[in-house]
N, C-alpha and C. Protein backbone atom coordinates (compact mmCIF):
# COMPACT_ATOMS: atom_id res chain seq x y z
N MET A 1 -1.16 35.05 85.54
CA MET A 1 0.06 34.28 85.40
C MET A 1 1.16 35.19 84.85
N SER A 2 2.35 34.97 85.26
CA SER A 2 3.48 35.84 84.94
C SER A 2 4.09 35.50 83.58
N LEU A 3 4.50 36.55 82.85
CA LEU A 3 5.19 36.36 81.57
C LEU A 3 6.61 35.85 81.78
N ILE A 4 7.18 36.17 82.93
CA ILE A 4 8.55 35.74 83.20
C ILE A 4 8.55 34.65 84.26
N LYS A 5 9.59 33.85 84.24
CA LYS A 5 9.80 32.88 85.31
C LYS A 5 10.70 33.57 86.33
N ARG A 6 10.06 34.11 87.37
CA ARG A 6 10.72 35.03 88.29
C ARG A 6 11.98 34.45 88.93
N THR A 7 11.94 33.22 89.37
CA THR A 7 13.11 32.61 90.00
C THR A 7 14.27 32.52 89.03
N ASN A 8 13.97 32.11 87.79
CA ASN A 8 15.03 31.98 86.79
C ASN A 8 15.56 33.35 86.36
N VAL A 9 14.68 34.34 86.25
CA VAL A 9 15.12 35.68 85.89
C VAL A 9 16.00 36.25 87.00
N LYS A 10 15.62 35.99 88.25
CA LYS A 10 16.43 36.45 89.38
C LYS A 10 17.82 35.83 89.34
N GLU A 11 17.90 34.50 89.13
CA GLU A 11 19.20 33.84 89.03
C GLU A 11 20.01 34.37 87.85
N PHE A 12 19.34 34.59 86.71
CA PHE A 12 20.02 35.11 85.53
C PHE A 12 20.58 36.51 85.80
N ALA A 13 19.78 37.36 86.43
CA ALA A 13 20.23 38.72 86.75
C ALA A 13 21.45 38.69 87.68
N LEU A 14 21.44 37.80 88.65
CA LEU A 14 22.59 37.70 89.55
C LEU A 14 23.83 37.19 88.81
N GLN A 15 23.63 36.25 87.89
CA GLN A 15 24.76 35.78 87.07
C GLN A 15 25.31 36.91 86.21
N ARG A 16 24.41 37.71 85.64
CA ARG A 16 24.84 38.83 84.80
C ARG A 16 25.57 39.88 85.65
N CYS A 17 25.11 40.08 86.89
CA CYS A 17 25.81 41.00 87.80
C CYS A 17 27.24 40.55 88.02
N LYS A 18 27.42 39.26 88.28
CA LYS A 18 28.76 38.72 88.51
C LYS A 18 29.64 38.88 87.29
N LYS A 19 29.05 38.72 86.11
CA LYS A 19 29.83 38.82 84.88
C LYS A 19 30.13 40.28 84.51
N LEU A 20 29.12 41.14 84.59
CA LEU A 20 29.27 42.52 84.13
C LEU A 20 29.92 43.44 85.16
N ARG A 21 29.68 43.17 86.45
CA ARG A 21 30.23 44.01 87.51
C ARG A 21 30.71 43.13 88.66
N PRO A 22 31.79 42.38 88.43
CA PRO A 22 32.24 41.39 89.43
C PRO A 22 32.63 41.99 90.78
N SER A 23 33.07 43.23 90.80
CA SER A 23 33.49 43.82 92.08
C SER A 23 32.31 44.27 92.94
N TRP A 24 31.12 44.32 92.38
CA TRP A 24 29.96 44.79 93.12
C TRP A 24 29.55 43.80 94.21
N GLY A 25 29.46 42.53 93.91
CA GLY A 25 29.06 41.54 94.90
C GLY A 25 27.57 41.49 95.17
N CYS A 26 26.77 41.74 94.17
CA CYS A 26 25.31 41.69 94.31
C CYS A 26 24.87 40.27 94.63
N THR A 27 24.00 40.13 95.63
CA THR A 27 23.53 38.80 96.04
C THR A 27 22.01 38.66 96.03
N ARG A 28 21.29 39.76 95.80
CA ARG A 28 19.83 39.72 95.84
C ARG A 28 19.25 40.57 94.71
N VAL A 29 18.02 40.24 94.34
CA VAL A 29 17.25 41.03 93.37
C VAL A 29 15.92 41.34 94.04
N SER A 30 15.57 42.61 94.10
CA SER A 30 14.34 42.99 94.79
C SER A 30 13.11 42.57 93.98
N ALA A 31 12.00 42.38 94.69
CA ALA A 31 10.74 42.02 94.04
C ALA A 31 10.29 43.14 93.10
N LYS A 32 10.56 44.38 93.49
CA LYS A 32 10.20 45.52 92.65
C LYS A 32 10.97 45.49 91.33
N THR A 33 12.21 45.05 91.38
CA THR A 33 13.02 44.94 90.17
C THR A 33 12.44 43.86 89.25
N LEU A 34 12.04 42.74 89.81
CA LEU A 34 11.42 41.69 89.00
C LEU A 34 10.11 42.18 88.40
N ASP A 35 9.34 42.97 89.16
CA ASP A 35 8.12 43.57 88.62
C ASP A 35 8.45 44.49 87.45
N ASP A 36 9.52 45.27 87.60
CA ASP A 36 9.95 46.16 86.52
C ASP A 36 10.36 45.36 85.28
N PHE A 37 11.08 44.28 85.50
CA PHE A 37 11.49 43.45 84.36
C PHE A 37 10.28 42.89 83.63
N GLU A 38 9.27 42.46 84.38
CA GLU A 38 8.06 41.93 83.73
C GLU A 38 7.31 43.03 82.99
N PHE A 39 7.22 44.21 83.60
CA PHE A 39 6.58 45.35 82.94
C PHE A 39 7.32 45.71 81.66
N ALA A 40 8.65 45.72 81.73
CA ALA A 40 9.47 46.03 80.55
C ALA A 40 9.25 45.00 79.45
N LEU A 41 9.08 43.74 79.81
CA LEU A 41 8.82 42.71 78.81
C LEU A 41 7.51 42.99 78.08
N GLY A 42 6.50 43.42 78.81
CA GLY A 42 5.23 43.78 78.17
C GLY A 42 5.41 44.92 77.17
N ILE A 43 6.22 45.90 77.54
CA ILE A 43 6.50 47.02 76.64
C ILE A 43 7.27 46.53 75.41
N ILE A 44 8.23 45.65 75.62
CA ILE A 44 9.01 45.10 74.50
C ILE A 44 8.09 44.36 73.54
N ILE A 45 7.17 43.58 74.07
CA ILE A 45 6.22 42.84 73.22
C ILE A 45 5.37 43.81 72.42
N ARG A 46 4.83 44.84 73.08
CA ARG A 46 4.00 45.83 72.36
C ARG A 46 4.82 46.54 71.29
N HIS A 47 6.07 46.86 71.61
CA HIS A 47 6.94 47.53 70.64
C HIS A 47 7.16 46.63 69.42
N CYS A 48 7.40 45.36 69.66
CA CYS A 48 7.62 44.44 68.54
C CYS A 48 6.39 44.33 67.66
N VAL A 49 5.21 44.33 68.28
CA VAL A 49 3.98 44.28 67.49
C VAL A 49 3.82 45.56 66.68
N GLN A 50 4.11 46.71 67.29
CA GLN A 50 3.95 47.99 66.60
C GLN A 50 4.97 48.17 65.49
N GLU A 51 6.21 47.85 65.77
CA GLU A 51 7.28 48.09 64.81
C GLU A 51 7.45 46.95 63.81
N PHE A 52 7.01 45.76 64.19
CA PHE A 52 7.13 44.57 63.36
C PHE A 52 8.51 44.50 62.72
N PRO A 53 9.55 44.27 63.55
CA PRO A 53 10.92 44.30 63.06
C PRO A 53 11.16 43.26 61.97
N ASP A 54 11.88 43.67 60.93
CA ASP A 54 12.15 42.75 59.83
C ASP A 54 13.46 42.00 59.99
N ASN A 55 14.16 42.25 61.07
CA ASN A 55 15.46 41.59 61.28
C ASN A 55 15.38 40.44 62.28
N ILE A 56 14.20 39.91 62.50
CA ILE A 56 14.03 38.82 63.46
C ILE A 56 14.86 37.61 63.06
N ASP A 57 14.91 37.31 61.78
CA ASP A 57 15.65 36.12 61.32
C ASP A 57 17.15 36.24 61.58
N LYS A 58 17.65 37.45 61.78
CA LYS A 58 19.08 37.66 61.96
C LYS A 58 19.53 37.47 63.40
N VAL A 59 18.60 37.25 64.30
CA VAL A 59 18.93 37.09 65.71
C VAL A 59 19.36 35.65 65.95
N SER A 60 20.63 35.46 66.22
CA SER A 60 21.10 34.09 66.46
C SER A 60 21.91 33.99 67.75
N SER A 61 22.20 35.12 68.37
CA SER A 61 23.05 35.08 69.56
C SER A 61 22.30 34.57 70.79
N ILE A 62 21.00 34.62 70.77
CA ILE A 62 20.21 34.17 71.91
C ILE A 62 19.79 32.72 71.66
N GLU A 63 20.06 31.88 72.62
CA GLU A 63 19.69 30.48 72.50
C GLU A 63 18.23 30.30 72.91
N LEU A 64 17.56 29.40 72.23
CA LEU A 64 16.17 29.11 72.54
C LEU A 64 16.02 28.58 73.96
N ASP A 65 17.03 27.86 74.44
CA ASP A 65 16.99 27.35 75.81
C ASP A 65 16.92 28.49 76.82
N LEU A 66 17.63 29.59 76.55
CA LEU A 66 17.57 30.74 77.45
C LEU A 66 16.18 31.33 77.45
N ALA A 67 15.58 31.43 76.27
CA ALA A 67 14.21 31.96 76.18
C ALA A 67 13.25 31.09 77.00
N LYS A 68 13.39 29.79 76.87
CA LYS A 68 12.51 28.88 77.61
C LYS A 68 12.77 28.95 79.11
N LYS A 69 14.01 29.24 79.49
CA LYS A 69 14.35 29.32 80.91
C LYS A 69 13.78 30.59 81.55
N LEU A 70 13.86 31.72 80.82
CA LEU A 70 13.48 33.00 81.42
C LEU A 70 12.00 33.35 81.27
N LEU A 71 11.39 32.90 80.17
CA LEU A 71 10.04 33.35 79.87
C LEU A 71 9.04 32.21 79.90
N ASN A 72 7.80 32.57 80.17
CA ASN A 72 6.70 31.65 80.00
C ASN A 72 6.35 31.71 78.52
N MET A 73 6.94 30.83 77.73
CA MET A 73 6.87 30.90 76.27
C MET A 73 5.44 30.93 75.75
N SER A 74 4.57 30.10 76.31
CA SER A 74 3.20 30.04 75.79
C SER A 74 2.47 31.36 76.01
N LEU A 75 2.68 32.00 77.16
CA LEU A 75 2.02 33.29 77.41
C LEU A 75 2.59 34.40 76.54
N VAL A 76 3.92 34.39 76.33
CA VAL A 76 4.53 35.41 75.48
C VAL A 76 4.03 35.25 74.05
N LYS A 77 3.99 34.02 73.56
CA LYS A 77 3.49 33.78 72.20
C LYS A 77 2.02 34.17 72.08
N LYS A 78 1.25 33.87 73.12
CA LYS A 78 -0.18 34.23 73.11
C LYS A 78 -0.35 35.74 73.06
N ARG A 79 0.46 36.46 73.85
CA ARG A 79 0.39 37.93 73.86
C ARG A 79 0.79 38.49 72.50
N LEU A 80 1.86 37.94 71.92
CA LEU A 80 2.30 38.38 70.59
C LEU A 80 1.23 38.09 69.53
N LEU A 81 0.68 36.88 69.57
CA LEU A 81 -0.32 36.49 68.60
C LEU A 81 -1.54 37.40 68.68
N GLY A 82 -1.97 37.70 69.89
CA GLY A 82 -3.10 38.61 70.07
C GLY A 82 -2.80 40.00 69.53
N GLY A 83 -1.59 40.48 69.80
CA GLY A 83 -1.20 41.80 69.31
C GLY A 83 -1.13 41.86 67.79
N PHE A 84 -0.53 40.82 67.19
CA PHE A 84 -0.44 40.79 65.73
C PHE A 84 -1.82 40.65 65.09
N LYS A 85 -2.70 39.84 65.68
CA LYS A 85 -4.04 39.68 65.12
C LYS A 85 -4.81 41.00 65.19
N ASP A 86 -4.64 41.74 66.29
CA ASP A 86 -5.30 43.04 66.41
C ASP A 86 -4.75 44.04 65.39
N ARG A 87 -3.43 44.05 65.24
CA ARG A 87 -2.79 45.03 64.35
C ARG A 87 -2.93 44.67 62.88
N PHE A 88 -2.85 43.41 62.56
CA PHE A 88 -2.91 42.95 61.18
C PHE A 88 -4.10 42.02 61.01
N SER A 89 -5.30 42.54 61.21
CA SER A 89 -6.50 41.70 61.21
C SER A 89 -6.76 41.04 59.86
N TRP A 90 -6.23 41.59 58.79
CA TRP A 90 -6.45 41.02 57.47
C TRP A 90 -5.55 39.82 57.18
N LEU A 91 -4.53 39.61 58.02
CA LEU A 91 -3.64 38.47 57.84
C LEU A 91 -4.16 37.27 58.63
N ASP A 92 -3.90 36.10 58.12
CA ASP A 92 -4.25 34.87 58.84
C ASP A 92 -3.01 34.41 59.62
N ILE A 93 -2.87 34.90 60.83
CA ILE A 93 -1.72 34.55 61.68
C ILE A 93 -2.22 33.56 62.72
N ASN A 94 -1.61 32.38 62.74
CA ASN A 94 -2.07 31.39 63.71
C ASN A 94 -0.96 30.83 64.59
N GLU A 95 0.27 31.28 64.38
CA GLU A 95 1.34 30.85 65.27
C GLU A 95 2.47 31.87 65.27
N ILE A 96 3.24 31.84 66.34
CA ILE A 96 4.41 32.71 66.49
C ILE A 96 5.64 31.81 66.46
N ARG A 97 6.58 32.15 65.60
CA ARG A 97 7.81 31.36 65.50
C ARG A 97 8.71 31.62 66.71
N ASP A 98 9.54 30.63 67.01
CA ASP A 98 10.48 30.76 68.12
C ASP A 98 11.48 31.89 67.88
N ASP A 99 11.82 32.18 66.62
CA ASP A 99 12.74 33.28 66.32
C ASP A 99 12.23 34.61 66.84
N CYS A 100 10.92 34.79 66.79
CA CYS A 100 10.32 36.03 67.29
C CYS A 100 10.51 36.13 68.80
N VAL A 101 10.33 35.03 69.50
CA VAL A 101 10.53 35.02 70.96
C VAL A 101 12.00 35.22 71.29
N LYS A 102 12.90 34.62 70.50
CA LYS A 102 14.33 34.81 70.72
C LYS A 102 14.69 36.29 70.57
N TYR A 103 14.09 36.97 69.61
CA TYR A 103 14.32 38.40 69.40
C TYR A 103 13.89 39.18 70.64
N ILE A 104 12.73 38.84 71.17
CA ILE A 104 12.21 39.52 72.37
C ILE A 104 13.11 39.25 73.57
N VAL A 105 13.60 38.02 73.71
CA VAL A 105 14.50 37.70 74.82
C VAL A 105 15.79 38.51 74.70
N GLY A 106 16.29 38.69 73.48
CA GLY A 106 17.48 39.53 73.29
C GLY A 106 17.27 40.94 73.81
N LEU A 107 16.11 41.52 73.50
CA LEU A 107 15.78 42.86 74.00
C LEU A 107 15.60 42.85 75.52
N PHE A 108 15.02 41.79 76.04
CA PHE A 108 14.80 41.65 77.48
C PHE A 108 16.14 41.56 78.22
N VAL A 109 17.07 40.77 77.70
CA VAL A 109 18.40 40.65 78.31
C VAL A 109 19.11 42.01 78.27
N ASN A 110 18.96 42.75 77.17
CA ASN A 110 19.54 44.10 77.11
C ASN A 110 18.97 44.99 78.20
N HIS A 111 17.67 44.87 78.48
CA HIS A 111 17.05 45.67 79.55
C HIS A 111 17.65 45.30 80.91
N ILE A 112 17.84 44.02 81.16
CA ILE A 112 18.45 43.57 82.42
C ILE A 112 19.88 44.11 82.52
N ASP A 113 20.64 44.02 81.44
CA ASP A 113 22.02 44.51 81.45
C ASP A 113 22.09 46.01 81.72
N LYS A 114 21.18 46.78 81.13
CA LYS A 114 21.15 48.23 81.37
C LYS A 114 20.84 48.52 82.84
N ALA A 115 19.93 47.75 83.42
CA ALA A 115 19.61 47.95 84.85
C ALA A 115 20.84 47.68 85.71
N ILE A 116 21.61 46.68 85.35
CA ILE A 116 22.82 46.34 86.11
C ILE A 116 23.88 47.43 85.93
N HIS A 117 24.09 47.87 84.71
CA HIS A 117 25.12 48.89 84.45
C HIS A 117 24.78 50.23 85.09
N SER A 118 23.50 50.56 85.15
CA SER A 118 23.13 51.87 85.69
C SER A 118 22.95 51.87 87.20
N HIS A 119 23.03 50.71 87.83
CA HIS A 119 22.82 50.63 89.28
C HIS A 119 24.07 51.09 90.02
N PRO A 120 23.89 51.91 91.05
CA PRO A 120 25.05 52.29 91.86
C PRO A 120 25.54 51.09 92.65
N SER A 121 26.82 51.02 92.87
CA SER A 121 27.40 49.89 93.61
C SER A 121 27.21 50.08 95.10
N VAL A 122 25.96 50.15 95.51
CA VAL A 122 25.62 50.36 96.91
C VAL A 122 24.77 49.19 97.37
N GLY A 123 25.12 48.58 98.46
CA GLY A 123 24.35 47.45 98.97
C GLY A 123 24.57 46.20 98.14
N LYS A 124 23.84 45.19 98.47
CA LYS A 124 23.99 43.89 97.80
C LYS A 124 22.73 43.52 97.00
N THR A 125 21.79 44.45 96.83
CA THR A 125 20.53 44.15 96.16
C THR A 125 20.38 44.97 94.90
N LEU A 126 20.08 44.28 93.80
CA LEU A 126 19.75 44.96 92.54
C LEU A 126 18.34 45.50 92.67
N MET A 127 18.20 46.84 92.65
CA MET A 127 16.90 47.48 92.80
C MET A 127 16.72 48.53 91.73
N ILE A 128 15.52 48.63 91.21
CA ILE A 128 15.15 49.69 90.29
C ILE A 128 14.60 50.82 91.12
N ARG A 129 15.14 52.00 90.92
CA ARG A 129 14.69 53.15 91.73
C ARG A 129 13.92 54.12 90.91
């Protein structure tokens, strides 16, 4: 099962293209790009488990509704919980707060934005090369 909701991520990426690069006229997102976004999300989750950021509570710019729209929340929380239990086995961790997922979505949106900014304005498809 996928960590991301591919259809919603595709729509979100196209909306971000229109906002960040309106003259480009991007109308499609390649399947390979969606695969890259999902792979990047896995890396972001592992990074958060390894670094255990202490500024999670300060993330307020990302709405929980956006997180629920783009991600399979239960799978992301399950992956985070497993990672934290492996890394901090002496702690009794039994749930992941929504703030942690909001933090991850913020990093995920940054990854999508970087892909859009670094893409050449060629063709109508957002592709990772």
